[in-house]
Structures are given as structure tokens and as C-alpha cells.
């Protein structure tokens, strides 16, 4: 068991899976096909972690409802087309999940992906059986609202002081802060230490191995 926590809740994109470039390419292709202004690389990276509808609305705050639904649909189609080959996970992710499982520490996922998107991803993820529960933005409230964390705590019966949120974005950090849960900020994802600093994570880690060291060592 982790020396510090009974439940480790992971973000998906940018924390477990190295998918930022794939998301950027897919979102830009969706906007282009919808004949809308194509967002920049940096603006798309900045919304990774939000639910798809919330993300598109941030990228175009005057988008119509019909265009919003169209872009969301096109994004999913382009993502599937581009998501080929072996899933790119960050070095050490599978070993960390194995170690948590062997130590009887629960793992969970809290993601901005849709359930359909996560199911597809989990189908290609070699350690999906390690997750006790997963929550997606389209079946609860999108980050940074903390509802998905509350639902995970309720489902696992783990007290909040024995749980931690691990993520790479300000949305992960804000969500944890809002509910009073510890957070761990990974710096190899989409948001910088400076961006996440206002949310006062317990620690910053620059790699999965550093994350593992923190979880398993006093």
C-alpha cells in the first residue's frame, strides 16, 4: 500500500497517456472541417482536461449550438482516425499501476473524456483492470467542478484525507482544491508549474518515477 494514500485518482490525457499532440491535431481538424477559425496549438493544449463541450466553448466563446455539436462530433471522428498504432503512455505508468495494485492501493481515473472515448482508450490500455472506478465528463460535471471526485470517494468509501488527485492541468488542481483533496502536479503534461502553483499541490513531479517515489517512500 502507498505510504500516504489508500486511493490515487489519475487524470488520463497528459498524466497517464501522452496524447496532447493527438488532441491538438484532432481539434484543429474539427474546426477546419466545420469552417470555423482554427485554434492555435497553445490554445488547444490549454483546454485539455475539460469536457469536450466546455473545451470547444472556451476555444470559441461565440460558437452556436449547432456548430458546437458539429465540432464535438467531428473531433471524435478525427481523434479515432488519428489514434493509430500503439498507445503512447508515459514511461513508468504501467509499473506504477502494478505497484499500487500489489500494495492494495486503489487506483481511479477522473477525466474530461467522454465515456465512449475512455472506453475506447481503456480497450487499448494494458492495465485498465487496475482501476477501481473511472468517471468521465459527460456523465457528471466537467472539471474543475469537483463532483467526479465526490462520486469516486463515495463509490470507494475512502475518506478524503486518504485520497489524492494526480494531474497535469490547472483543472485537476482546481478540482482537488475545491473539495479539499490533496493533489500532485505532474510537470510533463500540458500546464506549467507556474500555472498550477496557485492551487497549492502537495508536490510537483517531473516524471512517473518521481511520482512513484513520492507515493511509496516516506
C-alpha atoms as a PDB file:
ATOM      1  CA  UNK A   1       0.000   0.000   0.000  1.00  0.00           C
ATOM      2  CA  UNK A   2       1.105   3.549  -0.633  1.00  0.00           C
ATOM      3  CA  UNK A   3       2.608   5.010   2.494  1.00  0.00           C
ATOM      4  CA  UNK A   4       0.447   8.106   2.128  1.00  0.00           C
ATOM      5  CA  UNK A   5      -2.833   7.268   0.380  1.00  0.00           C
ATOM      6  CA  UNK A   6      -5.396   4.481   0.027  1.00  0.00           C
ATOM      7  CA  UNK A   7      -6.741   5.883  -3.257  1.00  0.00           C
ATOM      8  CA  UNK A   8      -4.841   7.517  -6.120  1.00  0.00           C
ATOM      9  CA  UNK A   9      -7.043   9.248  -8.701  1.00  0.00           C
ATOM     10  CA  UNK A  10      -5.380   9.855 -12.055  1.00  0.00           C
ATOM     11  CA  UNK A  11      -6.191  12.234 -14.846  1.00  0.00           C
ATOM     12  CA  UNK A  12      -5.953  10.461 -18.224  1.00  0.00           C
ATOM     13  CA  UNK A  13      -4.664  12.706 -21.045  1.00  0.00           C
ATOM     14  CA  UNK A  14      -1.320  14.273 -20.172  1.00  0.00           C
ATOM     15  CA  UNK A  15      -0.895  12.287 -16.961  1.00  0.00           C
ATOM     16  CA  UNK A  16      -1.121   8.617 -17.919  1.00  0.00           C
ATOM     17  CA  UNK A  17      -1.342   8.901 -21.712  1.00  0.00           C
ATOM     18  CA  UNK A  18       0.880  11.098 -23.889  1.00  0.00           C
ATOM     19  CA  UNK A  19      -1.889  12.399 -26.129  1.00  0.00           C
ATOM     20  CA  UNK A  20      -1.542  16.193 -26.278  1.00  0.00           C
ATOM     21  CA  UNK A  21      -0.384  16.316 -29.904  1.00  0.00           C
ATOM     22  CA  UNK A  22      -3.162  13.954 -30.946  1.00  0.00           C
ATOM     23  CA  UNK A  23      -5.759  16.140 -29.238  1.00  0.00           C
ATOM     24  CA  UNK A  24      -4.369  19.307 -30.835  1.00  0.00           C
ATOM     25  CA  UNK A  25      -4.358  17.805 -34.329  1.00  0.00           C
ATOM     26  CA  UNK A  26      -7.876  16.397 -33.942  1.00  0.00           C
ATOM     27  CA  UNK A  27      -9.353  19.625 -32.571  1.00  0.00           C
ATOM     28  CA  UNK A  28      -7.781  21.766 -35.270  1.00  0.00           C
ATOM     29  CA  UNK A  29      -9.044  19.379 -37.944  1.00  0.00           C
ATOM     30  CA  UNK A  30     -12.552  19.536 -36.475  1.00  0.00           C
ATOM     31  CA  UNK A  31     -12.612  23.338 -36.510  1.00  0.00           C
ATOM     32  CA  UNK A  32     -11.255  23.385 -40.060  1.00  0.00           C
ATOM     33  CA  UNK A  33     -13.870  20.941 -41.344  1.00  0.00           C
ATOM     34  CA  UNK A  34     -16.593  22.968 -39.607  1.00  0.00           C
ATOM     35  CA  UNK A  35     -15.316  26.099 -41.442  1.00  0.00           C
ATOM     36  CA  UNK A  36     -14.513  27.864 -38.174  1.00  0.00           C
ATOM     37  CA  UNK A  37     -11.372  29.739 -37.137  1.00  0.00           C
ATOM     38  CA  UNK A  38      -8.714  27.145 -36.346  1.00  0.00           C
ATOM     39  CA  UNK A  39      -7.384  27.475 -32.779  1.00  0.00           C
ATOM     40  CA  UNK A  40      -3.661  27.646 -32.123  1.00  0.00           C
ATOM     41  CA  UNK A  41      -1.646  24.766 -30.710  1.00  0.00           C
ATOM     42  CA  UNK A  42      -1.223  26.534 -27.379  1.00  0.00           C
ATOM     43  CA  UNK A  43      -4.905  27.387 -27.028  1.00  0.00           C
ATOM     44  CA  UNK A  44      -5.910  23.770 -27.609  1.00  0.00           C
ATOM     45  CA  UNK A  45      -3.322  22.480 -25.150  1.00  0.00           C
ATOM     46  CA  UNK A  46      -4.671  24.913 -22.587  1.00  0.00           C
ATOM     47  CA  UNK A  47      -8.149  23.319 -22.646  1.00  0.00           C
ATOM     48  CA  UNK A  48      -7.006  19.706 -22.345  1.00  0.00           C
ATOM     49  CA  UNK A  49      -8.729  18.297 -19.290  1.00  0.00           C
ATOM     50  CA  UNK A  50     -12.083  19.967 -19.788  1.00  0.00           C
ATOM     51  CA  UNK A  51     -15.111  18.139 -21.125  1.00  0.00           C
ATOM     52  CA  UNK A  52     -15.357  18.353 -24.899  1.00  0.00           C
ATOM     53  CA  UNK A  53     -18.267  20.809 -24.980  1.00  0.00           C
ATOM     54  CA  UNK A  54     -16.675  23.049 -22.371  1.00  0.00           C
ATOM     55  CA  UNK A  55     -13.361  22.907 -24.223  1.00  0.00           C
ATOM     56  CA  UNK A  56     -14.885  23.921 -27.565  1.00  0.00           C
ATOM     57  CA  UNK A  57     -16.772  26.781 -25.916  1.00  0.00           C
ATOM     58  CA  UNK A  58     -13.521  28.096 -24.439  1.00  0.00           C
ATOM     59  CA  UNK A  59     -11.867  27.909 -27.854  1.00  0.00           C
ATOM     60  CA  UNK A  60     -14.769  29.801 -29.458  1.00  0.00           C
ATOM     61  CA  UNK A  61     -16.863  31.671 -26.915  1.00  0.00           C
ATOM     62  CA  UNK A  62     -19.391  32.792 -29.541  1.00  0.00           C
ATOM     63  CA  UNK A  63     -19.965  29.402 -31.151  1.00  0.00           C
ATOM     64  CA  UNK A  64     -23.563  28.497 -31.986  1.00  0.00           C
ATOM     65  CA  UNK A  65     -25.199  25.414 -30.514  1.00  0.00           C
ATOM     66  CA  UNK A  66     -25.303  23.686 -33.906  1.00  0.00           C
ATOM     67  CA  UNK A  67     -21.619  24.402 -34.579  1.00  0.00           C
ATOM     68  CA  UNK A  68     -20.754  23.271 -31.053  1.00  0.00           C
ATOM     69  CA  UNK A  69     -22.393  19.906 -31.565  1.00  0.00           C
ATOM     70  CA  UNK A  70     -20.813  19.589 -35.010  1.00  0.00           C
ATOM     71  CA  UNK A  71     -17.295  20.327 -33.777  1.00  0.00           C
ATOM     72  CA  UNK A  72     -17.695  17.854 -30.909  1.00  0.00           C
ATOM     73  CA  UNK A  73     -18.778  15.159 -33.359  1.00  0.00           C
ATOM     74  CA  UNK A  74     -16.003  15.945 -35.819  1.00  0.00           C
ATOM     75  CA  UNK A  75     -13.406  15.996 -33.053  1.00  0.00           C
ATOM     76  CA  UNK A  76     -14.340  12.460 -32.050  1.00  0.00           C
ATOM     77  CA  UNK A  77     -14.161  11.262 -35.641  1.00  0.00           C
ATOM     78  CA  UNK A  78     -10.772  12.848 -36.283  1.00  0.00           C
ATOM     79  CA  UNK A  79      -9.400  11.548 -32.989  1.00  0.00           C
ATOM     80  CA  UNK A  80     -10.292   7.965 -33.874  1.00  0.00           C
ATOM     81  CA  UNK A  81      -8.764   8.288 -37.350  1.00  0.00           C
ATOM     82  CA  UNK A  82      -5.517   9.706 -35.960  1.00  0.00           C
ATOM     83  CA  UNK A  83      -5.262   7.426 -32.934  1.00  0.00           C
ATOM     84  CA  UNK A  84      -3.494   4.552 -34.630  1.00  0.00           C
ATOM     85  CA  UNK A  85      -0.615   2.362 -33.609  1.00  0.00           C
ATOM     86  CA  UNK A  86       0.464   1.570 -30.058  1.00  0.00           C
ATOM     87  CA  UNK A  87      -0.972   3.772 -27.332  1.00  0.00           C
ATOM     88  CA  UNK A  88       1.625   6.246 -26.070  1.00  0.00           C
ATOM     89  CA  UNK A  89       1.839   6.102 -22.309  1.00  0.00           C
ATOM     90  CA  UNK A  90       4.401   7.910 -20.216  1.00  0.00           C
ATOM     91  CA  UNK A  91       7.418   5.871 -19.115  1.00  0.00           C
ATOM     92  CA  UNK A  92       6.766   4.008 -15.890  1.00  0.00           C
ATOM     93  CA  UNK A  93       2.940   4.245 -15.885  1.00  0.00           C
ATOM     94  CA  UNK A  94       2.302   0.509 -16.122  1.00  0.00           C
ATOM     95  CA  UNK A  95       4.878  -0.287 -13.431  1.00  0.00           C
ATOM     96  CA  UNK A  96       3.324   2.300 -11.113  1.00  0.00           C
ATOM     97  CA  UNK A  97      -0.184   0.894 -11.555  1.00  0.00           C
ATOM     98  CA  UNK A  98       1.128  -2.622 -10.906  1.00  0.00           C
ATOM     99  CA  UNK A  99       2.850  -1.463  -7.738  1.00  0.00           C
ATOM    100  CA  UNK A 100      -0.279   0.265  -6.465  1.00  0.00           C
ATOM    101  CA  UNK A 101      -2.390  -2.820  -7.172  1.00  0.00           C
ATOM    102  CA  UNK A 102       0.073  -5.164  -5.485  1.00  0.00           C
ATOM    103  CA  UNK A 103       0.120  -2.888  -2.458  1.00  0.00           C
ATOM    104  CA  UNK A 104      -3.695  -2.860  -2.245  1.00  0.00           C
ATOM    105  CA  UNK A 105      -3.876   0.865  -3.035  1.00  0.00           C
ATOM    106  CA  UNK A 106      -6.918   1.690  -5.153  1.00  0.00           C
ATOM    107  CA  UNK A 107      -6.491   3.495  -8.462  1.00  0.00           C
ATOM    108  CA  UNK A 108      -9.154   5.506 -10.275  1.00  0.00           C
ATOM    109  CA  UNK A 109      -9.481   7.794 -13.282  1.00  0.00           C
ATOM    110  CA  UNK A 110     -11.142  11.230 -13.398  1.00  0.00           C
ATOM    111  CA  UNK A 111     -11.091  12.537 -16.957  1.00  0.00           C
ATOM    112  CA  UNK A 112     -12.517  15.138 -19.268  1.00  0.00           C
ATOM    113  CA  UNK A 113     -13.007  12.466 -21.929  1.00  0.00           C
ATOM    114  CA  UNK A 114     -16.433  11.141 -22.825  1.00  0.00           C
ATOM    115  CA  UNK A 115     -17.343   7.665 -21.631  1.00  0.00           C
ATOM    116  CA  UNK A 116     -17.228   6.448 -25.237  1.00  0.00           C
ATOM    117  CA  UNK A 117     -13.732   7.882 -25.662  1.00  0.00           C
ATOM    118  CA  UNK A 118     -12.446   6.448 -22.406  1.00  0.00           C
ATOM    119  CA  UNK A 119     -13.908   3.009 -23.113  1.00  0.00           C
ATOM    120  CA  UNK A 120     -12.059   3.018 -26.415  1.00  0.00           C
ATOM    121  CA  UNK A 121      -8.862   4.101 -24.682  1.00  0.00           C
ATOM    122  CA  UNK A 122      -9.220   1.549 -21.907  1.00  0.00           C
ATOM    123  CA  UNK A 123      -9.627  -1.141 -24.525  1.00  0.00           C
ATOM    124  CA  UNK A 124      -6.077  -0.420 -25.665  1.00  0.00           C
ATOM    125  CA  UNK A 125      -4.644   0.262 -22.209  1.00  0.00           C
ATOM    126  CA  UNK A 126      -2.755  -2.728 -20.831  1.00  0.00           C
ATOM    127  CA  UNK A 127      -3.578  -2.065 -17.187  1.00  0.00           C
ATOM    128  CA  UNK A 128      -7.211  -0.957 -17.299  1.00  0.00           C
ATOM    129  CA  UNK A 129      -8.089  -3.730 -14.835  1.00  0.00           C
ATOM    130  CA  UNK A 130      -6.111  -1.811 -12.201  1.00  0.00           C
ATOM    131  CA  UNK A 131      -8.744   0.926 -11.986  1.00  0.00           C
ATOM    132  CA  UNK A 132     -11.396   0.528  -9.325  1.00  0.00           C
ATOM    133  CA  UNK A 133     -13.609   3.192 -10.896  1.00  0.00           C
ATOM    134  CA  UNK A 134     -13.494   5.726 -13.718  1.00  0.00           C
ATOM    135  CA  UNK A 135     -15.519   8.924 -14.136  1.00  0.00           C
ATOM    136  CA  UNK A 136     -15.968  10.940 -17.329  1.00  0.00           C
ATOM    137  CA  UNK A 137     -17.085  14.494 -18.016  1.00  0.00           C
ATOM    138  CA  UNK A 138     -20.209  13.541 -19.955  1.00  0.00           C
ATOM    139  CA  UNK A 139     -21.680  11.505 -17.079  1.00  0.00           C
ATOM    140  CA  UNK A 140     -21.046  14.042 -14.324  1.00  0.00           C
ATOM    141  CA  UNK A 141     -19.844  17.657 -14.217  1.00  0.00           C
ATOM    142  CA  UNK A 142     -16.731  18.696 -16.143  1.00  0.00           C
ATOM    143  CA  UNK A 143     -13.581  19.694 -14.365  1.00  0.00           C
ATOM    144  CA  UNK A 144     -12.864  21.906 -12.492  1.00  0.00           C
ATOM    145  CA  UNK A 145     -16.148  21.139 -10.696  1.00  0.00           C
ATOM    146  CA  UNK A 146     -15.292  18.523  -8.034  1.00  0.00           C
ATOM    147  CA  UNK A 147     -18.369  16.317  -8.469  1.00  0.00           C
ATOM    148  CA  UNK A 148     -16.480  13.469 -10.130  1.00  0.00           C
ATOM    149  CA  UNK A 149     -14.095  13.337  -7.179  1.00  0.00           C
ATOM    150  CA  UNK A 150     -17.014  13.244  -4.746  1.00  0.00           C
ATOM    151  CA  UNK A 151     -18.548  10.386  -6.720  1.00  0.00           C
ATOM    152  CA  UNK A 152     -15.295   8.426  -6.716  1.00  0.00           C
ATOM    153  CA  UNK A 153     -14.900   8.875  -2.954  1.00  0.00           C
ATOM    154  CA  UNK A 154     -18.478   7.734  -2.375  1.00  0.00           C
ATOM    155  CA  UNK A 155     -18.063   4.680  -4.607  1.00  0.00           C
ATOM    156  CA  UNK A 156     -14.821   3.586  -2.957  1.00  0.00           C
ATOM    157  CA  UNK A 157     -15.699   4.595   0.640  1.00  0.00           C
ATOM    158  CA  UNK A 158     -12.249   6.142   1.011  1.00  0.00           C
ATOM    159  CA  UNK A 159     -12.045   9.209   3.292  1.00  0.00           C
ATOM    160  CA  UNK A 160     -10.891  12.350   1.538  1.00  0.00           C
ATOM    161  CA  UNK A 161      -7.718  12.640   3.621  1.00  0.00           C
ATOM    162  CA  UNK A 162      -6.567   9.258   2.278  1.00  0.00           C
ATOM    163  CA  UNK A 163      -7.100  10.150  -1.383  1.00  0.00           C
ATOM    164  CA  UNK A 164      -5.044  12.195  -3.832  1.00  0.00           C
ATOM    165  CA  UNK A 165      -5.644  13.625  -7.308  1.00  0.00           C
ATOM    166  CA  UNK A 166      -2.763  13.312  -9.783  1.00  0.00           C
ATOM    167  CA  UNK A 167      -2.930  15.561 -12.822  1.00  0.00           C
ATOM    168  CA  UNK A 168      -1.136  17.805 -15.278  1.00  0.00           C
ATOM    169  CA  UNK A 169      -3.588  20.688 -15.591  1.00  0.00           C
ATOM    170  CA  UNK A 170      -4.990  23.610 -13.666  1.00  0.00           C
ATOM    171  CA  UNK A 171      -8.404  21.935 -13.949  1.00  0.00           C
ATOM    172  CA  UNK A 172      -7.163  18.910 -11.988  1.00  0.00           C
ATOM    173  CA  UNK A 173      -5.585  21.114  -9.340  1.00  0.00           C
ATOM    174  CA  UNK A 174      -8.600  23.408  -9.015  1.00  0.00           C
ATOM    175  CA  UNK A 175     -10.955  20.428  -8.770  1.00  0.00           C
ATOM    176  CA  UNK A 176      -8.953  18.904  -5.936  1.00  0.00           C
ATOM    177  CA  UNK A 177      -8.581  22.217  -4.132  1.00  0.00           C
ATOM    178  CA  UNK A 178     -12.332  22.842  -4.333  1.00  0.00           C
ATOM    179  CA  UNK A 179     -13.106  19.633  -2.470  1.00  0.00           C
ATOM    180  CA  UNK A 180     -10.174  19.817  -0.064  1.00  0.00           C
ATOM    181  CA  UNK A 181      -8.303  16.836  -1.511  1.00  0.00           C
ATOM    182  CA  UNK A 182      -4.522  16.592  -1.784  1.00  0.00           C
ATOM    183  CA  UNK A 183      -3.145  16.932  -5.298  1.00  0.00           C
ATOM    184  CA  UNK A 184       0.071  16.009  -7.075  1.00  0.00           C
ATOM    185  CA  UNK A 185       1.035  18.113 -10.086  1.00  0.00           C
ATOM    186  CA  UNK A 186       2.930  16.397 -12.883  1.00  0.00           C
ATOM    187  CA  UNK A 187       5.000  18.796 -14.962  1.00  0.00           C
ATOM    188  CA  UNK A 188       5.404  16.631 -18.075  1.00  0.00           C
ATOM    189  CA  UNK A 189       1.857  17.355 -19.312  1.00  0.00           C
ATOM    190  CA  UNK A 190       0.116  20.459 -20.657  1.00  0.00           C
ATOM    191  CA  UNK A 191       0.325  23.070 -17.890  1.00  0.00           C
ATOM    192  CA  UNK A 192       3.410  24.527 -16.268  1.00  0.00           C
ATOM    193  CA  UNK A 193       4.374  24.662 -12.610  1.00  0.00           C
ATOM    194  CA  UNK A 194       3.682  28.393 -12.661  1.00  0.00           C
ATOM    195  CA  UNK A 195       0.148  27.836 -13.933  1.00  0.00           C
ATOM    196  CA  UNK A 196      -0.602  25.177 -11.316  1.00  0.00           C
ATOM    197  CA  UNK A 197       1.105  26.945  -8.417  1.00  0.00           C
ATOM    198  CA  UNK A 198      -1.973  28.932  -7.241  1.00  0.00           C
ATOM    199  CA  UNK A 199      -3.734  25.649  -6.431  1.00  0.00           C
ATOM    200  CA  UNK A 200      -1.058  24.574  -3.942  1.00  0.00           C
ATOM    201  CA  UNK A 201      -0.384  20.937  -4.904  1.00  0.00           C
ATOM    202  CA  UNK A 202       1.411  18.808  -2.316  1.00  0.00           C
ATOM    203  CA  UNK A 203       4.342  18.275  -4.663  1.00  0.00           C
ATOM    204  CA  UNK A 204       5.477  18.697  -8.265  1.00  0.00           C
ATOM    205  CA  UNK A 205       6.912  15.677 -10.050  1.00  0.00           C
ATOM    206  CA  UNK A 206       8.800  15.761 -13.324  1.00  0.00           C
ATOM    207  CA  UNK A 207       8.355  12.070 -14.180  1.00  0.00           C
ATOM    208  CA  UNK A 208       6.344   8.988 -13.300  1.00  0.00           C
ATOM    209  CA  UNK A 209       9.331   7.625 -11.393  1.00  0.00           C
ATOM    210  CA  UNK A 210       9.321  10.708  -9.167  1.00  0.00           C
ATOM    211  CA  UNK A 211       5.594  10.223  -8.629  1.00  0.00           C
ATOM    212  CA  UNK A 212       6.198   6.608  -7.612  1.00  0.00           C
ATOM    213  CA  UNK A 213       8.975   7.644  -5.224  1.00  0.00           C
ATOM    214  CA  UNK A 214       6.675  10.130  -3.527  1.00  0.00           C
ATOM    215  CA  UNK A 215       3.788   7.677  -3.178  1.00  0.00           C
ATOM    216  CA  UNK A 216       5.825   4.804  -1.804  1.00  0.00           C
ATOM    217  CA  UNK A 217       8.508   6.480   0.281  1.00  0.00           C
ATOM    218  CA  UNK A 218       8.228   8.491   3.460  1.00  0.00           C
END
